[in-house]
PDB file of N, CA and C in Angstrom:
ATOM      1  N   UNK A   1     118.963 112.357 140.014  1.00  0.00           N
ATOM      2  CA  UNK A   1     119.339 110.961 140.165  1.00  0.00           C
ATOM      3  C   UNK A   1     118.781 110.460 141.492  1.00  0.00           C
ATOM      4  N   UNK A   2     117.938 109.444 141.431  1.00  0.00           N
ATOM      5  CA  UNK A   2     117.336 108.947 142.663  1.00  0.00           C
ATOM      6  C   UNK A   2     118.203 107.848 143.280  1.00  0.00           C
ATOM      7  N   UNK A   3     117.751 107.315 144.376  1.00  0.00           N
ATOM      8  CA  UNK A   3     118.522 106.345 145.149  1.00  0.00           C
ATOM      9  C   UNK A   3     118.754 105.048 144.380  1.00  0.00           C
ATOM     10  N   UNK A   4     117.773 104.586 143.631  1.00  0.00           N
ATOM     11  CA  UNK A   4     117.933 103.343 142.864  1.00  0.00           C
ATOM     12  C   UNK A   4     119.036 103.480 141.816  1.00  0.00           C
ATOM     13  N   UNK A   5     119.071 104.619 141.144  1.00  0.00           N
ATOM     14  CA  UNK A   5     120.118 104.848 140.143  1.00  0.00           C
ATOM     15  C   UNK A   5     121.492 104.903 140.790  1.00  0.00           C
ATOM     16  N   UNK A   6     121.583 105.504 141.955  1.00  0.00           N
ATOM     17  CA  UNK A   6     122.864 105.577 142.659  1.00  0.00           C
ATOM     18  C   UNK A   6     123.327 104.179 143.064  1.00  0.00           C
ATOM     19  N   UNK A   7     122.374 103.348 143.528  1.00  0.00           N
ATOM     20  CA  UNK A   7     122.747 101.992 143.920  1.00  0.00           C
ATOM     21  C   UNK A   7     123.168 101.150 142.712  1.00  0.00           C
ATOM     22  N   UNK A   8     122.515 101.356 141.576  1.00  0.00           N
ATOM     23  CA  UNK A   8     122.903 100.633 140.363  1.00  0.00           C
ATOM     24  C   UNK A   8     124.306 101.028 139.923  1.00  0.00           C
ATOM     25  N   UNK A   9     124.672 102.306 140.121  1.00  0.00           N
ATOM     26  CA  UNK A   9     126.014 102.747 139.769  1.00  0.00           C
ATOM     27  C   UNK A   9     127.060 102.128 140.694  1.00  0.00           C
ATOM     28  N   UNK A  10     126.717 102.003 141.973  1.00  0.00           N
ATOM     29  CA  UNK A  10     127.657 101.429 142.932  1.00  0.00           C
ATOM     30  C   UNK A  10     127.771  99.912 142.785  1.00  0.00           C
ATOM     31  N   UNK A  11     126.631  99.236 142.535  1.00  0.00           N
ATOM     32  CA  UNK A  11     126.594  97.779 142.453  1.00  0.00           C
ATOM     33  C   UNK A  11     125.925  97.348 141.141  1.00  0.00           C
ATOM     34  N   UNK A  12     126.654  97.401 140.019  1.00  0.00           N
ATOM     35  CA  UNK A  12     126.023  97.115 138.721  1.00  0.00           C
ATOM     36  C   UNK A  12     125.576  95.668 138.544  1.00  0.00           C
ATOM     37  N   UNK A  13     126.216  94.732 139.226  1.00  0.00           N
ATOM     38  CA  UNK A  13     125.854  93.318 139.053  1.00  0.00           C
ATOM     39  C   UNK A  13     124.715  92.876 139.973  1.00  0.00           C
ATOM     40  N   UNK A  14     124.286  93.725 140.874  1.00  0.00           N
ATOM     41  CA  UNK A  14     123.221  93.383 141.814  1.00  0.00           C
ATOM     42  C   UNK A  14     121.854  93.379 141.127  1.00  0.00           C
ATOM     43  N   UNK A  15     121.056  92.358 141.452  1.00  0.00           N
ATOM     44  CA  UNK A  15     119.688  92.276 140.936  1.00  0.00           C
ATOM     45  C   UNK A  15     118.761  92.697 142.064  1.00  0.00           C
ATOM     46  N   UNK A  16     117.880  93.645 141.788  1.00  0.00           N
ATOM     47  CA  UNK A  16     116.985  94.144 142.839  1.00  0.00           C
ATOM     48  C   UNK A  16     115.952  93.088 143.211  1.00  0.00           C
ATOM     49  N   UNK A  17     115.381  93.235 144.382  1.00  0.00           N
ATOM     50  CA  UNK A  17     114.408  92.256 144.872  1.00  0.00           C
ATOM     51  C   UNK A  17     113.146  92.252 144.030  1.00  0.00           C
ATOM     52  N   UNK A  18     112.817  93.367 143.369  1.00  0.00           N
ATOM     53  CA  UNK A  18     111.648  93.421 142.497  1.00  0.00           C
ATOM     54  C   UNK A  18     111.836  92.534 141.281  1.00  0.00           C
ATOM     55  N   UNK A  19     113.062  92.449 140.772  1.00  0.00           N
ATOM     56  CA  UNK A  19     113.344  91.633 139.609  1.00  0.00           C
ATOM     57  C   UNK A  19     113.491  90.167 139.976  1.00  0.00           C
ATOM     58  N   UNK A  20     113.928  89.864 141.203  1.00  0.00           N
ATOM     59  CA  UNK A  20     114.140  88.487 141.629  1.00  0.00           C
ATOM     60  C   UNK A  20     112.834  87.730 141.797  1.00  0.00           C
ATOM     61  N   UNK A  21     111.868  88.326 142.460  1.00  0.00           N
ATOM     62  CA  UNK A  21     110.637  87.647 142.830  1.00  0.00           C
ATOM     63  C   UNK A  21     109.509  88.007 141.872  1.00  0.00           C
ATOM     64  N   UNK A  22     109.203  87.082 141.002  1.00  0.00           N
ATOM     65  CA  UNK A  22     108.041  87.268 140.144  1.00  0.00           C
ATOM     66  C   UNK A  22     106.934  86.390 140.709  1.00  0.00           C
ATOM     67  N   UNK A  23     105.775  86.937 140.964  1.00  0.00           N
ATOM     68  CA  UNK A  23     104.705  86.148 141.570  1.00  0.00           C
ATOM     69  C   UNK A  23     104.242  85.041 140.633  1.00  0.00           C
ATOM     70  N   UNK A  24     104.102  83.839 141.210  1.00  0.00           N
ATOM     71  CA  UNK A  24     103.676  82.691 140.425  1.00  0.00           C
ATOM     72  C   UNK A  24     102.172  82.511 140.584  1.00  0.00           C
ATOM     73  N   UNK A  25     101.431  82.874 139.561  1.00  0.00           N
ATOM     74  CA  UNK A  25      99.984  82.773 139.635  1.00  0.00           C
ATOM     75  C   UNK A  25      99.427  81.788 138.619  1.00  0.00           C
ATOM     76  N   UNK A  26     100.278  81.279 137.742  1.00  0.00           N
ATOM     77  CA  UNK A  26      99.802  80.360 136.717  1.00  0.00           C
ATOM     78  C   UNK A  26      99.833  78.934 137.249  1.00  0.00           C
ATOM     79  N   UNK A  27      98.782  78.196 136.939  1.00  0.00           N
ATOM     80  CA  UNK A  27      98.716  76.782 137.244  1.00  0.00           C
ATOM     81  C   UNK A  27      98.731  76.023 135.931  1.00  0.00           C
ATOM     82  N   UNK A  28      99.455  74.924 135.914  1.00  0.00           N
ATOM     83  CA  UNK A  28      99.388  74.063 134.751  1.00  0.00           C
ATOM     84  C   UNK A  28      98.106  73.261 134.872  1.00  0.00           C
ATOM     85  N   UNK A  29      97.220  73.446 133.922  1.00  0.00           N
ATOM     86  CA  UNK A  29      95.909  72.833 133.992  1.00  0.00           C
ATOM     87  C   UNK A  29      95.914  71.547 133.189  1.00  0.00           C
ATOM     88  N   UNK A  30      95.521  70.483 133.849  1.00  0.00           N
ATOM     89  CA  UNK A  30      95.355  69.217 133.160  1.00  0.00           C
ATOM     90  C   UNK A  30      93.987  69.225 132.507  1.00  0.00           C
ATOM     91  N   UNK A  31      93.967  69.041 131.191  1.00  0.00           N
ATOM     92  CA  UNK A  31      92.685  69.014 130.501  1.00  0.00           C
ATOM     93  C   UNK A  31      91.968  67.731 130.875  1.00  0.00           C
ATOM     94  N   UNK A  32      90.812  67.865 131.454  1.00  0.00           N
ATOM     95  CA  UNK A  32      90.063  66.699 131.878  1.00  0.00           C
ATOM     96  C   UNK A  32      88.702  66.683 131.236  1.00  0.00           C
ATOM     97  N   UNK A  33      88.204  65.466 131.036  1.00  0.00           N
ATOM     98  CA  UNK A  33      86.917  65.302 130.377  1.00  0.00           C
ATOM     99  C   UNK A  33      85.771  65.590 131.333  1.00  0.00           C
ATOM    100  N   UNK A  34      85.911  65.172 132.564  1.00  0.00           N
ATOM    101  CA  UNK A  34      84.867  65.356 133.569  1.00  0.00           C
ATOM    102  C   UNK A  34      85.099  66.661 134.322  1.00  0.00           C
ATOM    103  N   UNK A  35      84.027  67.381 134.678  1.00  0.00           N
ATOM    104  CA  UNK A  35      84.194  68.616 135.456  1.00  0.00           C
ATOM    105  C   UNK A  35      84.492  68.330 136.921  1.00  0.00           C
ATOM    106  N   UNK A  36      85.059  69.316 137.597  1.00  0.00           N
ATOM    107  CA  UNK A  36      85.271  69.217 139.042  1.00  0.00           C
ATOM    108  C   UNK A  36      83.927  69.457 139.720  1.00  0.00           C
ATOM    109  N   UNK A  37      83.544  68.560 140.615  1.00  0.00           N
ATOM    110  CA  UNK A  37      82.267  68.633 141.308  1.00  0.00           C
ATOM    111  C   UNK A  37      82.424  69.545 142.526  1.00  0.00           C
ATOM    112  N   UNK A  38      81.531  70.507 142.666  1.00  0.00           N
ATOM    113  CA  UNK A  38      81.542  71.454 143.777  1.00  0.00           C
ATOM    114  C   UNK A  38      80.270  71.244 144.597  1.00  0.00           C
ATOM    115  N   UNK A  39      80.415  70.622 145.779  1.00  0.00           N
ATOM    116  CA  UNK A  39      79.260  70.278 146.613  1.00  0.00           C
ATOM    117  C   UNK A  39      79.219  71.146 147.864  1.00  0.00           C
ATOM    118  N   UNK A  40      78.017  71.229 148.416  1.00  0.00           N
ATOM    119  CA  UNK A  40      77.791  71.959 149.665  1.00  0.00           C
ATOM    120  C   UNK A  40      77.206  70.978 150.672  1.00  0.00           C
ATOM    121  N   UNK A  41      77.763  70.966 151.879  1.00  0.00           N
ATOM    122  CA  UNK A  41      77.243  70.116 152.956  1.00  0.00           C
ATOM    123  C   UNK A  41      77.321  70.886 154.263  1.00  0.00           C
ATOM    124  N   UNK A  42      76.642  70.338 155.251  1.00  0.00           N
ATOM    125  CA  UNK A  42      76.774  70.838 156.622  1.00  0.00           C
ATOM    126  C   UNK A  42      77.271  69.685 157.471  1.00  0.00           C
ATOM    127  N   UNK A  43      78.318  69.946 158.205  1.00  0.00           N
ATOM    128  CA  UNK A  43      78.862  68.957 159.133  1.00  0.00           C
ATOM    129  C   UNK A  43      78.914  69.592 160.509  1.00  0.00           C
ATOM    130  N   UNK A  44      78.263  68.937 161.433  1.00  0.00           N
ATOM    131  CA  UNK A  44      78.156  69.452 162.804  1.00  0.00           C
ATOM    132  C   UNK A  44      77.580  70.858 162.817  1.00  0.00           C
ATOM    133  N   UNK A  45      76.649  71.130 161.901  1.00  0.00           N
ATOM    134  CA  UNK A  45      75.966  72.411 161.849  1.00  0.00           C
ATOM    135  C   UNK A  45      76.713  73.516 161.143  1.00  0.00           C
ATOM    136  N   UNK A  46      77.920  73.215 160.635  1.00  0.00           N
ATOM    137  CA  UNK A  46      78.717  74.250 159.978  1.00  0.00           C
ATOM    138  C   UNK A  46      78.813  73.954 158.480  1.00  0.00           C
ATOM    139  N   UNK A  47      78.693  74.982 157.634  1.00  0.00           N
ATOM    140  CA  UNK A  47      78.732  74.767 156.187  1.00  0.00           C
ATOM    141  C   UNK A  47      80.145  74.506 155.685  1.00  0.00           C
ATOM    142  N   UNK A  48      80.273  73.591 154.725  1.00  0.00           N
ATOM    143  CA  UNK A  48      81.551  73.327 154.065  1.00  0.00           C
ATOM    144  C   UNK A  48      81.306  73.176 152.568  1.00  0.00           C
ATOM    145  N   UNK A  49      82.340  73.409 151.803  1.00  0.00           N
ATOM    146  CA  UNK A  49      82.317  73.211 150.358  1.00  0.00           C
ATOM    147  C   UNK A  49      83.312  72.111 150.032  1.00  0.00           C
ATOM    148  N   UNK A  50      82.879  71.133 149.245  1.00  0.00           N
ATOM    149  CA  UNK A  50      83.716  69.990 148.904  1.00  0.00           C
ATOM    150  C   UNK A  50      83.951  69.972 147.395  1.00  0.00           C
ATOM    151  N   UNK A  51      85.216  69.812 147.003  1.00  0.00           N
ATOM    152  CA  UNK A  51      85.586  69.710 145.593  1.00  0.00           C
ATOM    153  C   UNK A  51      86.101  68.307 145.318  1.00  0.00           C
ATOM    154  N   UNK A  52      85.542  67.660 144.301  1.00  0.00           N
ATOM    155  CA  UNK A  52      85.936  66.301 143.945  1.00  0.00           C
ATOM    156  C   UNK A  52      86.016  66.176 142.435  1.00  0.00           C
ATOM    157  N   UNK A  53      86.657  65.108 141.980  1.00  0.00           N
ATOM    158  CA  UNK A  53      86.643  64.793 140.564  1.00  0.00           C
ATOM    159  C   UNK A  53      87.856  65.245 139.785  1.00  0.00           C
ATOM    160  N   UNK A  54      88.991  65.480 140.432  1.00  0.00           N
ATOM    161  CA  UNK A  54      90.208  65.874 139.727  1.00  0.00           C
ATOM    162  C   UNK A  54      90.903  64.615 139.224  1.00  0.00           C
ATOM    163  N   UNK A  55      91.293  64.595 137.952  1.00  0.00           N
ATOM    164  CA  UNK A  55      91.895  63.404 137.358  1.00  0.00           C
ATOM    165  C   UNK A  55      93.411  63.414 137.389  1.00  0.00           C
ATOM    166  N   UNK A  56      94.020  64.486 137.781  1.00  0.00           N
ATOM    167  CA  UNK A  56      95.473  64.628 137.728  1.00  0.00           C
ATOM    168  C   UNK A  56      96.180  64.036 138.935  1.00  0.00           C
ATOM    169  N   UNK A  57      97.406  64.458 139.118  1.00  0.00           N
ATOM    170  CA  UNK A  57      98.248  63.994 140.204  1.00  0.00           C
ATOM    171  C   UNK A  57      97.775  64.568 141.540  1.00  0.00           C
ATOM    172  N   UNK A  58      97.959  63.813 142.607  1.00  0.00           N
ATOM    173  CA  UNK A  58      97.508  64.241 143.932  1.00  0.00           C
ATOM    174  C   UNK A  58      98.264  65.477 144.408  1.00  0.00           C
ATOM    175  N   UNK A  59      99.555  65.586 144.063  1.00  0.00           N
ATOM    176  CA  UNK A  59     100.333  66.766 144.460  1.00  0.00           C
ATOM    177  C   UNK A  59      99.764  68.042 143.842  1.00  0.00           C
ATOM    178  N   UNK A  60      99.336  67.947 142.585  1.00  0.00           N
ATOM    179  CA  UNK A  60      98.754  69.117 141.919  1.00  0.00           C
ATOM    180  C   UNK A  60      97.443  69.528 142.582  1.00  0.00           C
ATOM    181  N   UNK A  61      96.650  68.542 142.993  1.00  0.00           N
ATOM    182  CA  UNK A  61      95.379  68.832 143.651  1.00  0.00           C
ATOM    183  C   UNK A  61      95.630  69.485 145.010  1.00  0.00           C
ATOM    184  N   UNK A  62      96.687  69.063 145.707  1.00  0.00           N
ATOM    185  CA  UNK A  62      97.043  69.693 146.984  1.00  0.00           C
ATOM    186  C   UNK A  62      97.483  71.139 146.766  1.00  0.00           C
ATOM    187  N   UNK A  63      98.231  71.392 145.693  1.00  0.00           N
ATOM    188  CA  UNK A  63      98.638  72.766 145.376  1.00  0.00           C
ATOM    189  C   UNK A  63      97.422  73.627 145.075  1.00  0.00           C
ATOM    190  N   UNK A  64      96.461  73.033 144.360  1.00  0.00           N
ATOM    191  CA  UNK A  64      95.230  73.752 144.059  1.00  0.00           C
ATOM    192  C   UNK A  64      94.470  74.081 145.335  1.00  0.00           C
ATOM    193  N   UNK A  65      94.438  73.129 146.281  1.00  0.00           N
ATOM    194  CA  UNK A  65      93.768  73.369 147.559  1.00  0.00           C
ATOM    195  C   UNK A  65      94.421  74.535 148.299  1.00  0.00           C
ATOM    196  N   UNK A  66      95.737  74.536 148.330  1.00  0.00           N
ATOM    197  CA  UNK A  66      96.462  75.608 149.017  1.00  0.00           C
ATOM    198  C   UNK A  66      96.194  76.960 148.357  1.00  0.00           C
ATOM    199  N   UNK A  67      96.179  76.969 147.027  1.00  0.00           N
ATOM    200  CA  UNK A  67      95.917  78.204 146.283  1.00  0.00           C
ATOM    201  C   UNK A  67      94.511  78.733 146.572  1.00  0.00           C
ATOM    202  N   UNK A  68      93.510  77.854 146.566  1.00  0.00           N
ATOM    203  CA  UNK A  68      92.134  78.283 146.829  1.00  0.00           C
ATOM    204  C   UNK A  68      91.974  78.806 148.250  1.00  0.00           C
ATOM    205  N   UNK A  69      92.567  78.117 149.215  1.00  0.00           N
ATOM    206  CA  UNK A  69      92.466  78.572 150.607  1.00  0.00           C
ATOM    207  C   UNK A  69      93.109  79.936 150.781  1.00  0.00           C
ATOM    208  N   UNK A  70      94.224  80.149 150.098  1.00  0.00           N
ATOM    209  CA  UNK A  70      94.918  81.429 150.201  1.00  0.00           C
ATOM    210  C   UNK A  70      94.108  82.546 149.537  1.00  0.00           C
ATOM    211  N   UNK A  71      93.547  82.273 148.354  1.00  0.00           N
ATOM    212  CA  UNK A  71      92.754  83.274 147.646  1.00  0.00           C
ATOM    213  C   UNK A  71      91.500  83.670 148.420  1.00  0.00           C
ATOM    214  N   UNK A  72      90.854  82.700 149.061  1.00  0.00           N
ATOM    215  CA  UNK A  72      89.611  82.967 149.779  1.00  0.00           C
ATOM    216  C   UNK A  72      89.832  83.360 151.234  1.00  0.00           C
ATOM    217  N   UNK A  73      91.046  83.214 151.722  1.00  0.00           N
ATOM    218  CA  UNK A  73      91.394  83.513 153.121  1.00  0.00           C
ATOM    219  C   UNK A  73      90.525  82.710 154.088  1.00  0.00           C
ATOM    220  N   UNK A  74      90.441  81.412 153.831  1.00  0.00           N
ATOM    221  CA  UNK A  74      89.664  80.523 154.687  1.00  0.00           C
ATOM    222  C   UNK A  74      90.486  79.284 155.005  1.00  0.00           C
ATOM    223  N   UNK A  75      89.988  78.507 155.944  1.00  0.00           N
ATOM    224  CA  UNK A  75      90.622  77.256 156.290  1.00  0.00           C
ATOM    225  C   UNK A  75      90.081  76.129 155.446  1.00  0.00           C
ATOM    226  N   UNK A  76      90.791  75.025 155.480  1.00  0.00           N
ATOM    227  CA  UNK A  76      90.344  73.864 154.738  1.00  0.00           C
ATOM    228  C   UNK A  76      91.389  72.771 154.812  1.00  0.00           C
ATOM    229  N   UNK A  77      91.118  71.666 154.093  1.00  0.00           N
ATOM    230  CA  UNK A  77      92.034  70.540 154.124  1.00  0.00           C
ATOM    231  C   UNK A  77      91.905  69.739 152.839  1.00  0.00           C
ATOM    232  N   UNK A  78      92.825  68.806 152.667  1.00  0.00           N
ATOM    233  CA  UNK A  78      92.784  67.867 151.555  1.00  0.00           C
ATOM    234  C   UNK A  78      92.714  66.471 152.159  1.00  0.00           C
ATOM    235  N   UNK A  79      91.609  65.768 151.933  1.00  0.00           N
ATOM    236  CA  UNK A  79      91.424  64.424 152.494  1.00  0.00           C
ATOM    237  C   UNK A  79      90.783  63.511 151.460  1.00  0.00           C
ATOM    238  N   UNK A  80      91.283  62.303 151.376  1.00  0.00           N
ATOM    239  CA  UNK A  80      90.697  61.240 150.560  1.00  0.00           C
ATOM    240  C   UNK A  80      90.383  61.684 149.132  1.00  0.00           C
ATOM    241  N   UNK A  81      91.277  62.411 148.511  1.00  0.00           N
ATOM    242  CA  UNK A  81      91.089  62.830 147.131  1.00  0.00           C
ATOM    243  C   UNK A  81      90.087  63.943 146.933  1.00  0.00           C
ATOM    244  N   UNK A  82      89.764  64.688 147.984  1.00  0.00           N
ATOM    245  CA  UNK A  82      88.840  65.817 147.842  1.00  0.00           C
ATOM    246  C   UNK A  82      89.344  66.994 148.674  1.00  0.00           C
ATOM    247  N   UNK A  83      88.974  68.187 148.235  1.00  0.00           N
ATOM    248  CA  UNK A  83      89.318  69.418 148.949  1.00  0.00           C
ATOM    249  C   UNK A  83      88.105  69.841 149.758  1.00  0.00           C
ATOM    250  N   UNK A  84      88.323  70.104 151.040  1.00  0.00           N
ATOM    251  CA  UNK A  84      87.250  70.561 151.921  1.00  0.00           C
ATOM    252  C   UNK A  84      87.583  71.986 152.360  1.00  0.00           C
ATOM    253  N   UNK A  85      86.709  72.919 152.015  1.00  0.00           N
ATOM    254  CA  UNK A  85      86.882  74.333 152.352  1.00  0.00           C
ATOM    255  C   UNK A  85      85.814  74.714 153.371  1.00  0.00           C
ATOM    256  N   UNK A  86      86.217  75.425 154.419  1.00  0.00           N
ATOM    257  CA  UNK A  86      85.271  75.853 155.442  1.00  0.00           C
ATOM    258  C   UNK A  86      84.416  76.993 154.914  1.00  0.00           C
ATOM    259  N   UNK A  87      83.101  76.829 154.976  1.00  0.00           N
ATOM    260  CA  UNK A  87      82.176  77.873 154.532  1.00  0.00           C
ATOM    261  C   UNK A  87      81.567  77.547 153.181  1.00  0.00           C
ATOM    262  N   UNK A  88      80.544  78.306 152.813  1.00  0.00           N
ATOM    263  CA  UNK A  88      79.858  78.122 151.538  1.00  0.00           C
ATOM    264  C   UNK A  88      80.422  79.114 150.524  1.00  0.00           C
ATOM    265  N   UNK A  89      81.433  78.687 149.776  1.00  0.00           N
ATOM    266  CA  UNK A  89      82.099  79.529 148.792  1.00  0.00           C
ATOM    267  C   UNK A  89      81.990  78.933 147.384  1.00  0.00           C
ATOM    268  N   UNK A  90      80.894  78.251 147.098  1.00  0.00           N
ATOM    269  CA  UNK A  90      80.759  77.567 145.813  1.00  0.00           C
ATOM    270  C   UNK A  90      80.903  78.515 144.634  1.00  0.00           C
ATOM    271  N   UNK A  91      80.228  79.642 144.678  1.00  0.00           N
ATOM    272  CA  UNK A  91      80.264  80.570 143.543  1.00  0.00           C
ATOM    273  C   UNK A  91      81.671  81.130 143.309  1.00  0.00           C
ATOM    274  N   UNK A  92      82.339  81.534 144.376  1.00  0.00           N
ATOM    275  CA  UNK A  92      83.685  82.096 144.248  1.00  0.00           C
ATOM    276  C   UNK A  92      84.677  81.040 143.781  1.00  0.00           C
ATOM    277  N   UNK A  93      84.570  79.831 144.335  1.00  0.00           N
ATOM    278  CA  UNK A  93      85.480  78.753 143.955  1.00  0.00           C
ATOM    279  C   UNK A  93      85.279  78.381 142.488  1.00  0.00           C
ATOM    280  N   UNK A  94      84.021  78.284 142.078  1.00  0.00           N
ATOM    281  CA  UNK A  94      83.747  77.931 140.691  1.00  0.00           C
ATOM    282  C   UNK A  94      84.274  79.009 139.738  1.00  0.00           C
ATOM    283  N   UNK A  95      84.155  80.265 140.114  1.00  0.00           N
ATOM    284  CA  UNK A  95      84.674  81.352 139.277  1.00  0.00           C
ATOM    285  C   UNK A  95      86.201  81.275 139.177  1.00  0.00           C
ATOM    286  N   UNK A  96      86.869  81.017 140.311  1.00  0.00           N
ATOM    287  CA  UNK A  96      88.333  80.894 140.302  1.00  0.00           C
ATOM    288  C   UNK A  96      88.783  79.714 139.443  1.00  0.00           C
ATOM    289  N   UNK A  97      88.105  78.578 139.582  1.00  0.00           N
ATOM    290  CA  UNK A  97      88.477  77.399 138.810  1.00  0.00           C
ATOM    291  C   UNK A  97      88.248  77.610 137.320  1.00  0.00           C
ATOM    292  N   UNK A  98      87.174  78.297 136.966  1.00  0.00           N
ATOM    293  CA  UNK A  98      86.904  78.549 135.557  1.00  0.00           C
ATOM    294  C   UNK A  98      87.918  79.517 134.959  1.00  0.00           C
ATOM    295  N   UNK A  99      88.417  80.459 135.754  1.00  0.00           N
ATOM    296  CA  UNK A  99      89.473  81.360 135.291  1.00  0.00           C
ATOM    297  C   UNK A  99      90.755  80.586 135.006  1.00  0.00           C
ATOM    298  N   UNK A 100      90.992  79.515 135.780  1.00  0.00           N
ATOM    299  CA  UNK A 100      92.186  78.693 135.592  1.00  0.00           C
ATOM    300  C   UNK A 100      92.039  77.713 134.437  1.00  0.00           C
ATOM    301  N   UNK A 101      90.831  77.554 133.923  1.00  0.00           N
ATOM    302  CA  UNK A 101      90.627  76.677 132.785  1.00  0.00           C
ATOM    303  C   UNK A 101      89.946  75.363 133.104  1.00  0.00           C
ATOM    304  N   UNK A 102      89.492  75.187 134.322  1.00  0.00           N
ATOM    305  CA  UNK A 102      88.796  73.955 134.708  1.00  0.00           C
ATOM    306  C   UNK A 102      87.318  74.045 134.344  1.00  0.00           C
ATOM    307  N   UNK A 103      86.727  72.901 134.107  1.00  0.00           N
ATOM    308  CA  UNK A 103      85.282  72.819 133.974  1.00  0.00           C
ATOM    309  C   UNK A 103      84.736  72.507 135.360  1.00  0.00           C
ATOM    310  N   UNK A 104      83.627  73.128 135.736  1.00  0.00           N
ATOM    311  CA  UNK A 104      83.052  72.883 137.054  1.00  0.00           C
ATOM    312  C   UNK A 104      81.583  72.521 136.931  1.00  0.00           C
ATOM    313  N   UNK A 105      81.101  71.856 137.978  1.00  0.00           N
ATOM    314  CA  UNK A 105      79.690  71.481 138.042  1.00  0.00           C
ATOM    315  C   UNK A 105      79.227  71.683 139.468  1.00  0.00           C
ATOM    316  N   UNK A 106      78.123  72.394 139.622  1.00  0.00           N
ATOM    317  CA  UNK A 106      77.570  72.673 140.952  1.00  0.00           C
ATOM    318  C   UNK A 106      76.584  71.557 141.323  1.00  0.00           C
ATOM    319  N   UNK A 107      76.737  71.008 142.517  1.00  0.00           N
ATOM    320  CA  UNK A 107      75.891  69.928 142.978  1.00  0.00           C
ATOM    321  C   UNK A 107      75.336  70.288 144.352  1.00  0.00           C
ATOM    322  N   UNK A 108      74.045  70.110 144.551  1.00  0.00           N
ATOM    323  CA  UNK A 108      73.441  70.320 145.869  1.00  0.00           C
ATOM    324  C   UNK A 108      73.092  71.764 146.142  1.00  0.00           C
ATOM    325  N   UNK A 109      71.821  72.029 146.320  1.00  0.00           N
ATOM    326  CA  UNK A 109      71.305  73.327 146.720  1.00  0.00           C
ATOM    327  C   UNK A 109      71.539  74.412 145.786  1.00  0.00           C
TER     328      UNK A 109
END
């Protein structure tokens, strides 16, 4: 009998932390007719990736920005209806978006 079984015997109504926290990785995808545009630019000599063309709610686009920044471990921001990611991550971003069900289009270079 291991420690988990002993704790379950002592506290039968307790829910373990593994059962409480289920990781949320699913995004509700709004089916859109137009693809998300993935552009590459240089600002002040530094490369950035810009995502535009989302037709859904602004809050959902901000959540998407946060998710992408976390997945890529990079900085970025949400401004004027577009996501700006530091660095040239077009291929990785497009792959992540396509896994989520979005259509993407690569623009520039």
